[in-house]
């Protein structure tokens, strides 16, 4: 079990505690796939897209930057 999950900001988007929890669940259950695939999966689940309609996925992405304690690492 991870500690309390808080709202996070990543790439200019504010992720709710529920979204961060969903990201963590995806990472926990899909640990065998690549970081790129994790990022794509999370972006699909959260309907996170670029202005051109493509997925916002990439490495690092919200799933690709999950730190050792299971929380996305953010840079501001």
C-alpha atoms as a PDB file:
ATOM      1  CA  UNK A   1       0.000   0.000   0.000  1.00  0.00           C
ATOM      2  CA  UNK A   2       1.248   3.446  -0.842  1.00  0.00           C
ATOM      3  CA  UNK A   3       0.987   6.414   1.511  1.00  0.00           C
ATOM      4  CA  UNK A   4      -1.675   9.020   1.033  1.00  0.00           C
ATOM      5  CA  UNK A   5      -1.949  10.056  -2.578  1.00  0.00           C
ATOM      6  CA  UNK A   6      -2.158  13.751  -3.299  1.00  0.00           C
ATOM      7  CA  UNK A   7      -2.983  15.880  -6.303  1.00  0.00           C
ATOM      8  CA  UNK A   8       0.037  16.309  -8.615  1.00  0.00           C
ATOM      9  CA  UNK A   9       1.033  18.647 -11.446  1.00  0.00           C
ATOM     10  CA  UNK A  10       2.776  17.182 -14.487  1.00  0.00           C
ATOM     11  CA  UNK A  11       3.472  18.857 -17.831  1.00  0.00           C
ATOM     12  CA  UNK A  12       1.105  21.692 -17.015  1.00  0.00           C
ATOM     13  CA  UNK A  13      -1.791  19.409 -16.111  1.00  0.00           C
ATOM     14  CA  UNK A  14      -3.190  19.107 -12.608  1.00  0.00           C
ATOM     15  CA  UNK A  15      -3.913  15.453 -11.796  1.00  0.00           C
ATOM     16  CA  UNK A  16      -6.488  14.789  -9.076  1.00  0.00           C
ATOM     17  CA  UNK A  17      -5.696  12.368  -6.262  1.00  0.00           C
ATOM     18  CA  UNK A  18      -8.033   9.890  -7.969  1.00  0.00           C
ATOM     19  CA  UNK A  19      -6.125  10.195 -11.257  1.00  0.00           C
ATOM     20  CA  UNK A  20      -2.790   9.753  -9.468  1.00  0.00           C
ATOM     21  CA  UNK A  21      -4.243   6.662  -7.784  1.00  0.00           C
ATOM     22  CA  UNK A  22      -5.336   5.318 -11.186  1.00  0.00           C
ATOM     23  CA  UNK A  23      -1.847   5.919 -12.588  1.00  0.00           C
ATOM     24  CA  UNK A  24      -0.359   4.028  -9.649  1.00  0.00           C
ATOM     25  CA  UNK A  25      -2.794   1.156 -10.142  1.00  0.00           C
ATOM     26  CA  UNK A  26      -1.814   0.882 -13.819  1.00  0.00           C
ATOM     27  CA  UNK A  27       1.894   0.899 -12.926  1.00  0.00           C
ATOM     28  CA  UNK A  28       1.380  -1.707 -10.187  1.00  0.00           C
ATOM     29  CA  UNK A  29      -0.639  -4.073 -12.368  1.00  0.00           C
ATOM     30  CA  UNK A  30       1.255  -3.600 -15.638  1.00  0.00           C
ATOM     31  CA  UNK A  31       4.817  -3.575 -14.334  1.00  0.00           C
ATOM     32  CA  UNK A  32       6.065  -5.882 -17.089  1.00  0.00           C
ATOM     33  CA  UNK A  33       5.387  -3.482 -19.959  1.00  0.00           C
ATOM     34  CA  UNK A  34       7.613  -0.662 -21.170  1.00  0.00           C
ATOM     35  CA  UNK A  35       7.421   2.835 -19.740  1.00  0.00           C
ATOM     36  CA  UNK A  36       6.251   4.042 -23.147  1.00  0.00           C
ATOM     37  CA  UNK A  37       3.370   1.550 -23.158  1.00  0.00           C
ATOM     38  CA  UNK A  38       2.465   2.537 -19.587  1.00  0.00           C
ATOM     39  CA  UNK A  39       2.400   6.200 -20.617  1.00  0.00           C
ATOM     40  CA  UNK A  40       0.162   5.436 -23.609  1.00  0.00           C
ATOM     41  CA  UNK A  41      -2.201   3.379 -21.457  1.00  0.00           C
ATOM     42  CA  UNK A  42      -2.501   6.128 -18.844  1.00  0.00           C
ATOM     43  CA  UNK A  43      -3.083   8.804 -21.484  1.00  0.00           C
ATOM     44  CA  UNK A  44      -5.824   6.683 -23.059  1.00  0.00           C
ATOM     45  CA  UNK A  45      -7.515   6.101 -19.687  1.00  0.00           C
ATOM     46  CA  UNK A  46      -7.355   9.799 -18.786  1.00  0.00           C
ATOM     47  CA  UNK A  47      -8.178  10.973 -22.334  1.00  0.00           C
ATOM     48  CA  UNK A  48      -5.058  13.176 -22.176  1.00  0.00           C
ATOM     49  CA  UNK A  49      -4.387  14.444 -25.702  1.00  0.00           C
ATOM     50  CA  UNK A  50      -2.299  16.979 -27.542  1.00  0.00           C
ATOM     51  CA  UNK A  51      -3.983  19.859 -29.381  1.00  0.00           C
ATOM     52  CA  UNK A  52      -3.655  17.850 -32.628  1.00  0.00           C
ATOM     53  CA  UNK A  53      -5.711  14.997 -31.111  1.00  0.00           C
ATOM     54  CA  UNK A  54      -2.820  12.596 -30.573  1.00  0.00           C
ATOM     55  CA  UNK A  55      -2.136  11.069 -27.181  1.00  0.00           C
ATOM     56  CA  UNK A  56       0.044  13.113 -24.870  1.00  0.00           C
ATOM     57  CA  UNK A  57       2.036   9.927 -24.183  1.00  0.00           C
ATOM     58  CA  UNK A  58       5.766   9.889 -24.241  1.00  0.00           C
ATOM     59  CA  UNK A  59       8.651   8.988 -22.029  1.00  0.00           C
ATOM     60  CA  UNK A  60       8.751  10.356 -19.543  1.00  0.00           C
ATOM     61  CA  UNK A  61       5.025  10.565 -19.062  1.00  0.00           C
ATOM     62  CA  UNK A  62       2.974  10.403 -15.897  1.00  0.00           C
ATOM     63  CA  UNK A  63       3.331   6.633 -15.683  1.00  0.00           C
ATOM     64  CA  UNK A  64       6.936   6.735 -16.796  1.00  0.00           C
ATOM     65  CA  UNK A  65       8.002   8.944 -13.922  1.00  0.00           C
ATOM     66  CA  UNK A  66       6.617   7.034 -10.985  1.00  0.00           C
ATOM     67  CA  UNK A  67       9.223   7.179  -8.263  1.00  0.00           C
ATOM     68  CA  UNK A  68      10.290   4.559  -5.779  1.00  0.00           C
ATOM     69  CA  UNK A  69       7.423   5.351  -3.426  1.00  0.00           C
ATOM     70  CA  UNK A  70       4.868   5.017  -6.202  1.00  0.00           C
ATOM     71  CA  UNK A  71       4.122   8.708  -6.692  1.00  0.00           C
ATOM     72  CA  UNK A  72       4.754  10.512  -9.976  1.00  0.00           C
ATOM     73  CA  UNK A  73       7.921  12.555  -9.753  1.00  0.00           C
ATOM     74  CA  UNK A  74       7.211  16.117 -10.758  1.00  0.00           C
ATOM     75  CA  UNK A  75       9.407  18.990 -11.721  1.00  0.00           C
ATOM     76  CA  UNK A  76       6.989  21.832 -11.055  1.00  0.00           C
END
